[in-house]
PDB file of N, CA and C in Angstrom:
ATOM      1  N   MET A   1      89.750 -13.488  13.412  1.00  0.00           N
ATOM      2  CA  MET A   1      89.639 -12.267  12.758  1.00  0.00           C
ATOM      3  C   MET A   1      88.434 -12.387  11.780  1.00  0.00           C
ATOM      4  N   LEU A   2      87.297 -11.854  11.642  1.00  0.00           N
ATOM      5  CA  LEU A   2      85.750 -12.384  10.669  1.00  0.00           C
ATOM      6  C   LEU A   2      85.848 -11.107   9.883  1.00  0.00           C
ATOM      7  N   LEU A   3      86.327 -11.679   8.407  1.00  0.00           N
ATOM      8  CA  LEU A   3      86.274 -10.671   7.386  1.00  0.00           C
ATOM      9  C   LEU A   3      85.591 -11.422   6.434  1.00  0.00           C
ATOM     10  N   GLY A   4      84.559 -10.866   5.640  1.00  0.00           N
ATOM     11  CA  GLY A   4      83.889 -11.547   4.559  1.00  0.00           C
ATOM     12  C   GLY A   4      82.904 -12.601   4.755  1.00  0.00           C
ATOM     13  N   GLY A   5      82.525 -12.496   6.077  1.00  0.00           N
ATOM     14  CA  GLY A   5      82.047 -14.156   6.161  1.00  0.00           C
ATOM     15  C   GLY A   5      83.447 -15.250   6.705  1.00  0.00           C
ATOM     16  N   GLU A   6      84.365 -15.127   6.683  1.00  0.00           N
ATOM     17  CA  GLU A   6      85.439 -15.814   6.871  1.00  0.00           C
ATOM     18  C   GLU A   6      85.930 -16.169   8.322  1.00  0.00           C
ATOM     19  N   VAL A   7      86.185 -17.099   9.104  1.00  0.00           N
ATOM     20  CA  VAL A   7      87.219 -16.903   9.733  1.00  0.00           C
ATOM     21  C   VAL A   7      88.082 -16.621   9.887  1.00  0.00           C
ATOM     22  N   ARG A   8      89.761 -16.534  10.110  1.00  0.00           N
ATOM     23  CA  ARG A   8      90.683 -16.435   9.686  1.00  0.00           C
ATOM     24  C   ARG A   8      91.594 -15.823  11.105  1.00  0.00           C
ATOM     25  N   GLY A   9      92.656 -16.817  11.981  1.00  0.00           N
ATOM     26  CA  GLY A   9      93.088 -16.593  12.685  1.00  0.00           C
ATOM     27  C   GLY A   9      95.047 -16.562  12.115  1.00  0.00           C
ATOM     28  N   ALA A  10      95.328 -15.365  11.875  1.00  0.00           N
ATOM     29  CA  ALA A  10      96.959 -15.051  12.176  1.00  0.00           C
ATOM     30  C   ALA A  10      97.822 -15.630  13.610  1.00  0.00           C
ATOM     31  N   ASP A  11      99.223 -15.800  12.659  1.00  0.00           N
ATOM     32  CA  ASP A  11      99.538 -16.058  14.376  1.00  0.00           C
ATOM     33  C   ASP A  11     100.228 -14.998  14.531  1.00  0.00           C
ATOM     34  N   ALA A  12     100.108 -13.563  14.328  1.00  0.00           N
ATOM     35  CA  ALA A  12     100.438 -12.431  14.321  1.00  0.00           C
ATOM     36  C   ALA A  12      99.716 -11.364  14.076  1.00  0.00           C
ATOM     37  N   ALA A  13      98.456 -10.182  13.965  1.00  0.00           N
ATOM     38  CA  ALA A  13      98.453  -9.224  13.450  1.00  0.00           C
ATOM     39  C   ALA A  13      98.561  -7.701  14.452  1.00  0.00           C
ATOM     40  N   ILE A  14      98.318  -6.422  13.413  1.00  0.00           N
ATOM     41  CA  ILE A  14      98.451  -5.809  14.442  1.00  0.00           C
ATOM     42  C   ILE A  14      97.630  -4.941  14.026  1.00  0.00           C
ATOM     43  N   TRP A  15      96.631  -3.941  14.234  1.00  0.00           N
ATOM     44  CA  TRP A  15      95.507  -2.774  14.188  1.00  0.00           C
ATOM     45  C   TRP A  15      96.079  -1.642  14.544  1.00  0.00           C
ATOM     46  N   ARG A  16      94.962  -0.546  13.801  1.00  0.00           N
ATOM     47  CA  ARG A  16      95.921   0.672  14.473  1.00  0.00           C
ATOM     48  C   ARG A  16      93.642   0.894  15.272  1.00  0.00           C
ATOM     49  N   ARG A  17      94.492   1.085  16.756  1.00  0.00           N
ATOM     50  CA  ARG A  17      93.280   1.644  17.533  1.00  0.00           C
ATOM     51  C   ARG A  17      91.995   2.384  16.985  1.00  0.00           C
ATOM     52  N   LYS A  18      92.231   3.257  16.034  1.00  0.00           N
ATOM     53  CA  LYS A  18      91.435   4.161  15.733  1.00  0.00           C
ATOM     54  C   LYS A  18      91.012   3.582  14.507  1.00  0.00           C
ATOM     55  N   ASP A  19      91.006   2.476  14.224  1.00  0.00           N
ATOM     56  CA  ASP A  19      89.993   1.459  13.099  1.00  0.00           C
ATOM     57  C   ASP A  19      89.422   0.763  14.300  1.00  0.00           C
ATOM     58  N   LEU A  20      89.359   0.669  15.363  1.00  0.00           N
ATOM     59  CA  LEU A  20      88.428  -0.825  16.057  1.00  0.00           C
ATOM     60  C   LEU A  20      87.754  -0.176  16.398  1.00  0.00           C
ATOM     61  N   PRO A  21      86.184  -0.723  16.348  1.00  0.00           N
ATOM     62  CA  PRO A  21      85.480  -0.229  17.007  1.00  0.00           C
ATOM     63  C   PRO A  21      85.774  -1.093  18.657  1.00  0.00           C
ATOM     64  N   PRO A  22      84.687   0.024  19.798  1.00  0.00           N
ATOM     65  CA  PRO A  22      84.651  -0.648  21.306  1.00  0.00           C
ATOM     66  C   PRO A  22      85.104  -1.989  21.020  1.00  0.00           C
ATOM     67  N   ARG A  23      85.313  -2.942  22.130  1.00  0.00           N
ATOM     68  CA  ARG A  23      85.589  -4.545  22.372  1.00  0.00           C
ATOM     69  C   ARG A  23      84.274  -4.718  23.237  1.00  0.00           C
ATOM     70  N   SER A  24      83.175  -5.785  22.547  1.00  0.00           N
ATOM     71  CA  SER A  24      82.492  -5.488  23.841  1.00  0.00           C
ATOM     72  C   SER A  24      82.530  -6.927  24.541  1.00  0.00           C
ATOM     73  N   LYS A  25      82.018  -6.683  26.080  1.00  0.00           N
ATOM     74  CA  LYS A  25      82.655  -7.537  26.920  1.00  0.00           C
ATOM     75  C   LYS A  25      82.112  -9.108  26.794  1.00  0.00           C
ATOM     76  N   ARG A  26      81.330  -9.267  25.704  1.00  0.00           N
ATOM     77  CA  ARG A  26      82.036 -10.795  25.342  1.00  0.00           C
ATOM     78  C   ARG A  26      82.478 -11.372  24.534  1.00  0.00           C
ATOM     79  N   GLY A  27      83.763 -10.346  23.724  1.00  0.00           N
ATOM     80  CA  GLY A  27      84.562 -10.783  23.136  1.00  0.00           C
ATOM     81  C   GLY A  27      84.529 -10.181  21.730  1.00  0.00           C
ATOM     82  N   GLY A  28      84.751 -11.537  21.270  1.00  0.00           N
ATOM     83  CA  GLY A  28      84.618 -11.811  19.673  1.00  0.00           C
ATOM     84  C   GLY A  28      85.452 -11.417  18.689  1.00  0.00           C
ATOM     85  N   PHE A  29      85.279 -11.871  17.844  1.00  0.00           N
ATOM     86  CA  PHE A  29      86.190 -11.545  16.157  1.00  0.00           C
ATOM     87  C   PHE A  29      86.411 -10.400  16.161  1.00  0.00           C
ATOM     88  N   ARG A  30      88.140  -9.867  15.765  1.00  0.00           N
ATOM     89  CA  ARG A  30      87.621  -8.499  15.273  1.00  0.00           C
ATOM     90  C   ARG A  30      87.011  -8.620  13.636  1.00  0.00           C
ATOM     91  N   ARG A  31      86.493  -7.338  13.200  1.00  0.00           N
ATOM     92  CA  ARG A  31      85.831  -7.437  12.023  1.00  0.00           C
ATOM     93  C   ARG A  31      85.972  -6.561  11.857  1.00  0.00           C
ATOM     94  N   VAL A  32      87.364  -5.670  11.459  1.00  0.00           N
ATOM     95  CA  VAL A  32      88.140  -4.759  10.862  1.00  0.00           C
ATOM     96  C   VAL A  32      89.675  -5.642  10.383  1.00  0.00           C
ATOM     97  N   ALA A  33      89.946  -5.158   9.453  1.00  0.00           N
ATOM     98  CA  ALA A  33      91.424  -6.222   8.361  1.00  0.00           C
ATOM     99  C   ALA A  33      92.319  -5.102   9.444  1.00  0.00           C
ATOM    100  N   PRO A  34      93.816  -5.741   9.624  1.00  0.00           N
ATOM    101  CA  PRO A  34      94.368  -5.872  10.110  1.00  0.00           C
ATOM    102  C   PRO A  34      95.695  -4.661   9.699  1.00  0.00           C
ATOM    103  N   VAL A  35      96.118  -4.042  10.523  1.00  0.00           N
ATOM    104  CA  VAL A  35      96.931  -2.928   8.898  1.00  0.00           C
ATOM    105  C   VAL A  35      98.583  -4.194   8.375  1.00  0.00           C
ATOM    106  N   LEU A  36      98.644  -5.304   9.618  1.00  0.00           N
ATOM    107  CA  LEU A  36      99.949  -6.549   9.097  1.00  0.00           C
ATOM    108  C   LEU A  36      99.446  -7.657   9.755  1.00  0.00           C
ATOM    109  N   ALA A  37      99.546  -8.730   8.777  1.00  0.00           N
ATOM    110  CA  ALA A  37      98.606 -10.141   9.743  1.00  0.00           C
ATOM    111  C   ALA A  37     100.100 -10.658   9.082  1.00  0.00           C
ATOM    112  N   VAL A  38     101.032 -11.330   9.875  1.00  0.00           N
ATOM    113  CA  VAL A  38     102.140 -12.283  10.030  1.00  0.00           C
ATOM    114  C   VAL A  38     101.581 -13.612   9.999  1.00  0.00           C
ATOM    115  N   GLU A  39     102.078 -14.450   9.482  1.00  0.00           N
ATOM    116  CA  GLU A  39     101.871 -16.070   9.035  1.00  0.00           C
ATOM    117  C   GLU A  39     104.032 -17.146   9.574  1.00  0.00           C
ATOM    118  N   ILE A  40     103.192 -17.833  10.266  1.00  0.00           N
ATOM    119  CA  ILE A  40     104.456 -18.507  10.177  1.00  0.00           C
ATOM    120  C   ILE A  40     104.709 -19.628   9.253  1.00  0.00           C
ATOM    121  N   ALA A  41     105.763 -20.015   8.582  1.00  0.00           N
ATOM    122  CA  ALA A  41     105.829 -21.479   7.748  1.00  0.00           C
ATOM    123  C   ALA A  41     105.972 -22.523   8.940  1.00  0.00           C
ATOM    124  N   GLY A  42     105.271 -24.232   9.151  1.00  0.00           N
ATOM    125  CA  GLY A  42     105.162 -24.943  10.175  1.00  0.00           C
ATOM    126  C   GLY A  42     105.268 -26.584   9.382  1.00  0.00           C
ATOM    127  N   GLN A  43     105.713 -27.146   9.993  1.00  0.00           N
ATOM    128  CA  GLN A  43     104.922 -28.568   9.874  1.00  0.00           C
ATOM    129  C   GLN A  43     103.764 -28.793   8.909  1.00  0.00           C
ATOM    130  N   ASP A  44     102.346 -27.834   9.113  1.00  0.00           N
ATOM    131  CA  ASP A  44     101.654 -28.296   8.223  1.00  0.00           C
ATOM    132  C   ASP A  44     101.476 -26.682   7.537  1.00  0.00           C
ATOM    133  N   GLU A  45     102.436 -26.011   7.475  1.00  0.00           N
ATOM    134  CA  GLU A  45     101.926 -24.863   6.258  1.00  0.00           C
ATOM    135  C   GLU A  45     103.593 -24.782   5.798  1.00  0.00           C
ATOM    136  N   ASP A  46     103.329 -25.306   4.171  1.00  0.00           N
ATOM    137  CA  ASP A  46     104.421 -24.602   3.399  1.00  0.00           C
ATOM    138  C   ASP A  46     104.769 -22.988   2.947  1.00  0.00           C
ATOM    139  N   GLU A  47     105.299 -22.892   2.149  1.00  0.00           N
ATOM    140  CA  GLU A  47     105.578 -21.197   1.807  1.00  0.00           C
ATOM    141  C   GLU A  47     104.363 -21.555   0.709  1.00  0.00           C
ATOM    142  N   ASP A  48     104.225 -22.049  -0.369  1.00  0.00           N
ATOM    143  CA  ASP A  48     102.821 -21.964  -0.853  1.00  0.00           C
ATOM    144  C   ASP A  48     101.827 -22.028  -0.692  1.00  0.00           C
ATOM    145  N   THR A  49     101.795 -22.643   0.927  1.00  0.00           N
ATOM    146  CA  THR A  49     100.279 -22.376   1.893  1.00  0.00           C
ATOM    147  C   THR A  49     100.224 -20.916   2.029  1.00  0.00           C
ATOM    148  N   LEU A  50     101.276 -20.583   2.841  1.00  0.00           N
ATOM    149  CA  LEU A  50     101.369 -19.331   2.939  1.00  0.00           C
ATOM    150  C   LEU A  50     101.241 -18.431   1.944  1.00  0.00           C
ATOM    151  N   LEU A  51     101.225 -18.972   0.799  1.00  0.00           N
ATOM    152  CA  LEU A  51     101.108 -17.230   0.206  1.00  0.00           C
ATOM    153  C   LEU A  51      99.509 -17.358  -0.540  1.00  0.00           C
ATOM    154  N   VAL A  52      98.672 -18.611  -0.500  1.00  0.00           N
ATOM    155  CA  VAL A  52      96.884 -18.481  -0.722  1.00  0.00           C
ATOM    156  C   VAL A  52      96.483 -17.634   0.131  1.00  0.00           C
ATOM    157  N   LYS A  53      97.358 -18.099   1.871  1.00  0.00           N
ATOM    158  CA  LYS A  53      96.855 -17.034   3.117  1.00  0.00           C
ATOM    159  C   LYS A  53      96.850 -15.729   2.692  1.00  0.00           C
ATOM    160  N   ALA A  54      97.770 -15.379   2.311  1.00  0.00           N
ATOM    161  CA  ALA A  54      98.496 -13.672   2.350  1.00  0.00           C
ATOM    162  C   ALA A  54      97.798 -13.626   1.240  1.00  0.00           C
ATOM    163  N   ARG A  55      96.976 -14.223   0.081  1.00  0.00           N
ATOM    164  CA  ARG A  55      96.090 -13.764  -1.043  1.00  0.00           C
ATOM    165  C   ARG A  55      94.397 -13.196  -0.320  1.00  0.00           C
ATOM    166  N   TRP A  56      94.007 -14.214   0.468  1.00  0.00           N
ATOM    167  CA  TRP A  56      93.156 -13.973   1.143  1.00  0.00           C
ATOM    168  C   TRP A  56      93.009 -12.552   1.887  1.00  0.00           C
ATOM    169  N   TYR A  57      94.463 -12.532   2.504  1.00  0.00           N
ATOM    170  CA  TYR A  57      94.330 -11.300   3.689  1.00  0.00           C
ATOM    171  C   TYR A  57      94.593 -10.054   2.611  1.00  0.00           C
ATOM    172  N   PHE A  58      94.424 -10.420   1.117  1.00  0.00           N
ATOM    173  CA  PHE A  58      94.904  -8.889   1.170  1.00  0.00           C
ATOM    174  C   PHE A  58      93.418  -8.920   0.178  1.00  0.00           C
ATOM    175  N   LYS A  59      92.679  -9.562  -0.254  1.00  0.00           N
ATOM    176  CA  LYS A  59      91.167  -9.794  -0.434  1.00  0.00           C
ATOM    177  C   LYS A  59      90.541  -9.025   0.222  1.00  0.00           C
ATOM    178  N   HIS A  60      91.042  -9.137   1.356  1.00  0.00           N
ATOM    179  CA  HIS A  60      90.299  -9.071   2.745  1.00  0.00           C
ATOM    180  C   HIS A  60      90.297  -7.692   3.343  1.00  0.00           C
ATOM    181  N   GLY A  61      91.275  -6.901   2.540  1.00  0.00           N
ATOM    182  CA  GLY A  61      91.890  -5.333   3.098  1.00  0.00           C
ATOM    183  C   GLY A  61      92.984  -5.265   3.675  1.00  0.00           C
ATOM    184  N   VAL A  62      93.424  -6.600   4.069  1.00  0.00           N
ATOM    185  CA  VAL A  62      95.016  -6.084   4.420  1.00  0.00           C
ATOM    186  C   VAL A  62      96.001  -5.925   3.763  1.00  0.00           C
ATOM    187  N   LYS A  63      96.773  -4.649   4.204  1.00  0.00           N
ATOM    188  CA  LYS A  63      97.609  -4.276   3.529  1.00  0.00           C
ATOM    189  C   LYS A  63      99.205  -4.330   3.369  1.00  0.00           C
ATOM    190  N   THR A  64      99.336  -5.532   4.790  1.00  0.00           N
ATOM    191  CA  THR A  64     101.107  -5.707   4.302  1.00  0.00           C
ATOM    192  C   THR A  64     101.219  -7.069   5.485  1.00  0.00           C
ATOM    193  N   VAL A  65     101.659  -7.838   4.494  1.00  0.00           N
ATOM    194  CA  VAL A  65     101.901  -9.210   4.904  1.00  0.00           C
ATOM    195  C   VAL A  65     103.099 -10.177   5.400  1.00  0.00           C
ATOM    196  N   TRP A  66     103.365 -10.251   6.391  1.00  0.00           N
ATOM    197  CA  TRP A  66     104.836 -10.828   6.435  1.00  0.00           C
ATOM    198  C   TRP A  66     104.750 -12.288   6.600  1.00  0.00           C
ATOM    199  N   LEU A  67     105.060 -12.967   5.448  1.00  0.00           N
ATOM    200  CA  LEU A  67     105.315 -14.456   5.532  1.00  0.00           C
ATOM    201  C   LEU A  67     106.568 -14.857   6.245  1.00  0.00           C
ATOM    202  N   VAL A  68     106.973 -15.337   7.389  1.00  0.00           N
ATOM    203  CA  VAL A  68     108.048 -15.760   7.845  1.00  0.00           C
ATOM    204  C   VAL A  68     108.687 -17.655   7.835  1.00  0.00           C
ATOM    205  N   LEU A  69     109.800 -17.527   7.557  1.00  0.00           N
ATOM    206  CA  LEU A  69     110.052 -18.919   7.177  1.00  0.00           C
ATOM    207  C   LEU A  69     111.603 -19.330   7.874  1.00  0.00           C
ATOM    208  N   PRO A  70     110.728 -19.969   9.180  1.00  0.00           N
ATOM    209  CA  PRO A  70     112.042 -20.093  10.345  1.00  0.00           C
ATOM    210  C   PRO A  70     113.217 -21.345   9.089  1.00  0.00           C
ATOM    211  N   GLU A  71     112.823 -22.308   8.518  1.00  0.00           N
ATOM    212  CA  GLU A  71     113.633 -23.187   8.227  1.00  0.00           C
ATOM    213  C   GLU A  71     114.347 -22.996   7.340  1.00  0.00           C
ATOM    214  N   THR A  72     114.426 -21.761   6.828  1.00  0.00           N
ATOM    215  CA  THR A  72     115.398 -21.036   5.611  1.00  0.00           C
ATOM    216  C   THR A  72     116.257 -19.371   6.593  1.00  0.00           C
ATOM    217  N   ARG A  73     115.464 -19.525   7.742  1.00  0.00           N
ATOM    218  CA  ARG A  73     115.538 -17.980   8.618  1.00  0.00           C
ATOM    219  C   ARG A  73     115.065 -16.951   7.464  1.00  0.00           C
ATOM    220  N   GLU A  74     114.400 -16.524   6.914  1.00  0.00           N
ATOM    221  CA  GLU A  74     113.563 -15.226   5.708  1.00  0.00           C
ATOM    222  C   GLU A  74     112.376 -15.062   5.638  1.00  0.00           C
ATOM    223  N   VAL A  75     112.010 -14.161   5.349  1.00  0.00           N
ATOM    224  CA  VAL A  75     110.956 -13.342   5.791  1.00  0.00           C
ATOM    225  C   VAL A  75     110.133 -12.929   4.382  1.00  0.00           C
ATOM    226  N   ILE A  76     109.002 -12.845   3.672  1.00  0.00           N
ATOM    227  CA  ILE A  76     108.754 -12.816   2.584  1.00  0.00           C
ATOM    228  C   ILE A  76     107.942 -11.514   2.966  1.00  0.00           C
ATOM    229  N   PHE A  77     108.240 -10.214   2.840  1.00  0.00           N
ATOM    230  CA  PHE A  77     107.734  -9.065   2.881  1.00  0.00           C
ATOM    231  C   PHE A  77     106.613  -9.099   1.878  1.00  0.00           C
ATOM    232  N   LEU A  78     105.155  -8.478   1.974  1.00  0.00           N
ATOM    233  CA  LEU A  78     104.148  -8.599   0.815  1.00  0.00           C
ATOM    234  C   LEU A  78     102.878  -7.086   0.689  1.00  0.00           C
ATOM    235  N   ARG A  79     103.605  -6.121   0.097  1.00  0.00           N
ATOM    236  CA  ARG A  79     102.046  -5.463   0.027  1.00  0.00           C
ATOM    237  C   ARG A  79     101.514  -5.797  -1.301  1.00  0.00           C
ATOM    238  N   GLY A  80     100.474  -6.752  -1.387  1.00  0.00           N
ATOM    239  CA  GLY A  80     100.236  -6.800  -2.177  1.00  0.00           C
ATOM    240  C   GLY A  80     101.048  -7.938  -3.005  1.00  0.00           C
ATOM    241  N   MET A  81     100.340  -9.201  -3.436  1.00  0.00           N
ATOM    242  CA  MET A  81     100.701  -9.736  -4.563  1.00  0.00           C
ATOM    243  C   MET A  81     101.894  -9.919  -5.112  1.00  0.00           C
ATOM    244  N   ARG A  82     101.767  -8.809  -5.893  1.00  0.00           N
ATOM    245  CA  ARG A  82     103.183  -8.089  -6.991  1.00  0.00           C
ATOM    246  C   ARG A  82     104.496  -8.029  -6.041  1.00  0.00           C
ATOM    247  N   ASN A  83     105.641  -8.109  -7.091  1.00  0.00           N
ATOM    248  CA  ASN A  83     106.877  -8.069  -6.213  1.00  0.00           C
ATOM    249  C   ASN A  83     107.244  -8.238  -4.194  1.00  0.00           C
ATOM    250  N   PRO A  84     106.850  -9.182  -4.320  1.00  0.00           N
ATOM    251  CA  PRO A  84     106.825  -9.688  -2.708  1.00  0.00           C
ATOM    252  C   PRO A  84     108.901  -9.908  -2.813  1.00  0.00           C
ATOM    253  N   ARG A  85     109.442  -9.726  -1.721  1.00  0.00           N
ATOM    254  CA  ARG A  85     109.963  -9.160  -1.386  1.00  0.00           C
ATOM    255  C   ARG A  85     111.010 -10.178  -0.490  1.00  0.00           C
ATOM    256  N   ARG A  86     112.123 -11.107  -0.949  1.00  0.00           N
ATOM    257  CA  ARG A  86     112.157 -12.037   0.082  1.00  0.00           C
ATOM    258  C   ARG A  86     113.580 -11.905   1.143  1.00  0.00           C
ATOM    259  N   LEU A  87     113.581 -11.150   1.735  1.00  0.00           N
ATOM    260  CA  LEU A  87     114.604 -11.454   2.997  1.00  0.00           C
ATOM    261  C   LEU A  87     115.427 -12.221   4.124  1.00  0.00           C
ATOM    262  N   LYS A  88     116.499 -12.130   3.821  1.00  0.00           N
ATOM    263  CA  LYS A  88     117.407 -12.995   4.932  1.00  0.00           C
ATOM    264  C   LYS A  88     117.619 -11.748   5.923  1.00  0.00           C
ATOM    265  N   MET A  89     118.619 -13.144   6.108  1.00  0.00           N
ATOM    266  CA  MET A  89     119.190 -12.369   7.670  1.00  0.00           C
ATOM    267  C   MET A  89     120.275 -11.354   7.538  1.00  0.00           C
ATOM    268  N   GLY A  90     120.280 -10.127   8.308  1.00  0.00           N
ATOM    269  CA  GLY A  90     120.884  -9.290   7.786  1.00  0.00           C
ATOM    270  C   GLY A  90     120.555  -7.977   7.050  1.00  0.00           C
ATOM    271  N   ASP A  91     118.749  -8.277   6.272  1.00  0.00           N
ATOM    272  CA  ASP A  91     118.046  -7.547   6.197  1.00  0.00           C
ATOM    273  C   ASP A  91     117.317  -6.713   7.183  1.00  0.00           C
ATOM    274  N   ARG A  92     116.704  -6.291   7.025  1.00  0.00           N
ATOM    275  CA  ARG A  92     115.553  -4.907   7.473  1.00  0.00           C
ATOM    276  C   ARG A  92     114.333  -4.788   6.846  1.00  0.00           C
ATOM    277  N   ILE A  93     113.409  -5.953   7.638  1.00  0.00           N
ATOM    278  CA  ILE A  93     111.848  -5.600   6.896  1.00  0.00           C
ATOM    279  C   ILE A  93     111.681  -4.202   7.006  1.00  0.00           C
ATOM    280  N   PRO A  94     111.095  -3.990   5.659  1.00  0.00           N
ATOM    281  CA  PRO A  94     110.616  -2.413   5.472  1.00  0.00           C
ATOM    282  C   PRO A  94     109.942  -1.901   6.716  1.00  0.00           C
ATOM    283  N   SER A  95     109.728  -0.988   6.362  1.00  0.00           N
ATOM    284  CA  SER A  95     108.470   0.202   7.259  1.00  0.00           C
ATOM    285  C   SER A  95     107.042  -0.002   5.973  1.00  0.00           C
ATOM    286  N   ASP A  96     106.593  -0.023   6.902  1.00  0.00           N
ATOM    287  CA  ASP A  96     105.112  -0.199   6.390  1.00  0.00           C
ATOM    288  C   ASP A  96     104.202   1.587   6.100  1.00  0.00           C
ATOM    289  N   PRO A  97     103.707   2.426   6.228  1.00  0.00           N
ATOM    290  CA  PRO A  97     103.333   3.751   5.666  1.00  0.00           C
ATOM    291  C   PRO A  97     102.161   4.102   7.329  1.00  0.00           C
ATOM    292  N   GLU A  98     101.280   2.548   7.267  1.00  0.00           N
ATOM    293  CA  GLU A  98     101.020   2.854   8.742  1.00  0.00           C
ATOM    294  C   GLU A  98     101.236   2.442   9.359  1.00  0.00           C
ATOM    295  N   LEU A  99     102.884   1.740   9.789  1.00  0.00           N
ATOM    296  CA  LEU A  99     103.426   0.964  10.661  1.00  0.00           C
ATOM    297  C   LEU A  99     105.085   1.877  10.657  1.00  0.00           C
ATOM    298  N   PRO A 100     104.956   3.125  10.471  1.00  0.00           N
ATOM    299  CA  PRO A 100     106.155   3.339  10.166  1.00  0.00           C
ATOM    300  C   PRO A 100     107.483   3.093  10.987  1.00  0.00           C
ATOM    301  N   ALA A 101     107.202   2.706  12.199  1.00  0.00           N
ATOM    302  CA  ALA A 101     108.199   2.440  13.361  1.00  0.00           C
ATOM    303  C   ALA A 101     108.969   1.098  13.520  1.00  0.00           C
ATOM    304  N   LEU A 102     107.977   0.328  13.303  1.00  0.00           N
ATOM    305  CA  LEU A 102     108.092  -1.010  12.963  1.00  0.00           C
ATOM    306  C   LEU A 102     108.992  -1.510  11.663  1.00  0.00           C
ATOM    307  N   GLU A 103     110.206  -1.946  11.792  1.00  0.00           N
ATOM    308  CA  GLU A 103     111.091  -2.201  10.706  1.00  0.00           C
ATOM    309  C   GLU A 103     112.252  -3.019  11.207  1.00  0.00           C
ATOM    310  N   PRO A 104     112.056  -4.474  12.021  1.00  0.00           N
ATOM    311  CA  PRO A 104     113.334  -4.907  12.461  1.00  0.00           C
ATOM    312  C   PRO A 104     113.731  -5.652  11.697  1.00  0.00           C
ATOM    313  N   LEU A 105     115.095  -6.190  12.329  1.00  0.00           N
ATOM    314  CA  LEU A 105     115.569  -7.214  11.404  1.00  0.00           C
ATOM    315  C   LEU A 105     115.376  -7.939  11.006  1.00  0.00           C
ATOM    316  N   VAL A 106     115.892  -8.949   9.902  1.00  0.00           N
ATOM    317  CA  VAL A 106     115.012 -10.335  10.083  1.00  0.00           C
ATOM    318  C   VAL A 106     115.582 -11.241  11.152  1.00  0.00           C
ATOM    319  N   SER A 107     116.873 -11.119  11.306  1.00  0.00           N
ATOM    320  CA  SER A 107     117.319 -11.977  12.309  1.00  0.00           C
ATOM    321  C   SER A 107     116.284 -11.732  14.142  1.00  0.00           C
ATOM    322  N   ARG A 108     116.150 -10.902  14.328  1.00  0.00           N
ATOM    323  CA  ARG A 108     116.115 -10.038  15.846  1.00  0.00           C
ATOM    324  C   ARG A 108     114.355 -11.451  15.361  1.00  0.00           C
ATOM    325  N   LEU A 109     113.830 -11.431  14.450  1.00  0.00           N
ATOM    326  CA  LEU A 109     112.923 -12.684  14.392  1.00  0.00           C
ATOM    327  C   LEU A 109     113.421 -13.968  14.824  1.00  0.00           C
ATOM    328  N   PHE A 110     114.370 -14.437  14.251  1.00  0.00           N
ATOM    329  CA  PHE A 110     115.026 -15.767  14.389  1.00  0.00           C
ATOM    330  C   PHE A 110     116.059 -16.088  15.676  1.00  0.00           C
ATOM    331  N   HIS A 111     116.080 -15.029  16.915  1.00  0.00           N
ATOM    332  CA  HIS A 111     117.021 -14.804  17.345  1.00  0.00           C
ATOM    333  C   HIS A 111     117.395 -15.921  18.820  1.00  0.00           C
ATOM    334  N   GLN A 112     115.719 -16.808  19.099  1.00  0.00           N
ATOM    335  CA  GLN A 112     115.625 -17.611  19.545  1.00  0.00           C
ATOM    336  C   GLN A 112     115.947 -19.153  19.109  1.00  0.00           C
ATOM    337  N   LEU A 113     116.161 -19.138  17.784  1.00  0.00           N
ATOM    338  CA  LEU A 113     116.560 -20.290  17.033  1.00  0.00           C
ATOM    339  C   LEU A 113     117.431 -20.736  17.004  1.00  0.00           C
ATOM    340  N   ARG A 114     118.158 -22.150  17.310  1.00  0.00           N
ATOM    341  CA  ARG A 114     119.485 -22.285  17.061  1.00  0.00           C
ATOM    342  C   ARG A 114     119.936 -23.060  15.711  1.00  0.00           C
TER     343      ARG A 114
END
């Protein structure tokens, strides 16, 4: 996505079709903030790095961010930087008013990890 003159590639993102202009045949970056951006921690990106990314997303109009932490099998659910919710296995990710049917169990995000 290209927002505020900066390019960012979320690990996953969801846009509302009604918010998107028609895609050009040449492709290119989405220039509209997604409703949800998902970032996954890995060898090169720890929780603190992902929180910096979350701030960037909120600054550029993203409403909800999930930070997925495979090592601890947790998800940090954010709607803004205040009051992050740390969700564990057995918890359900809260729905977003823009995505009311998307509320998976945290365990579903990790079911392929052993």
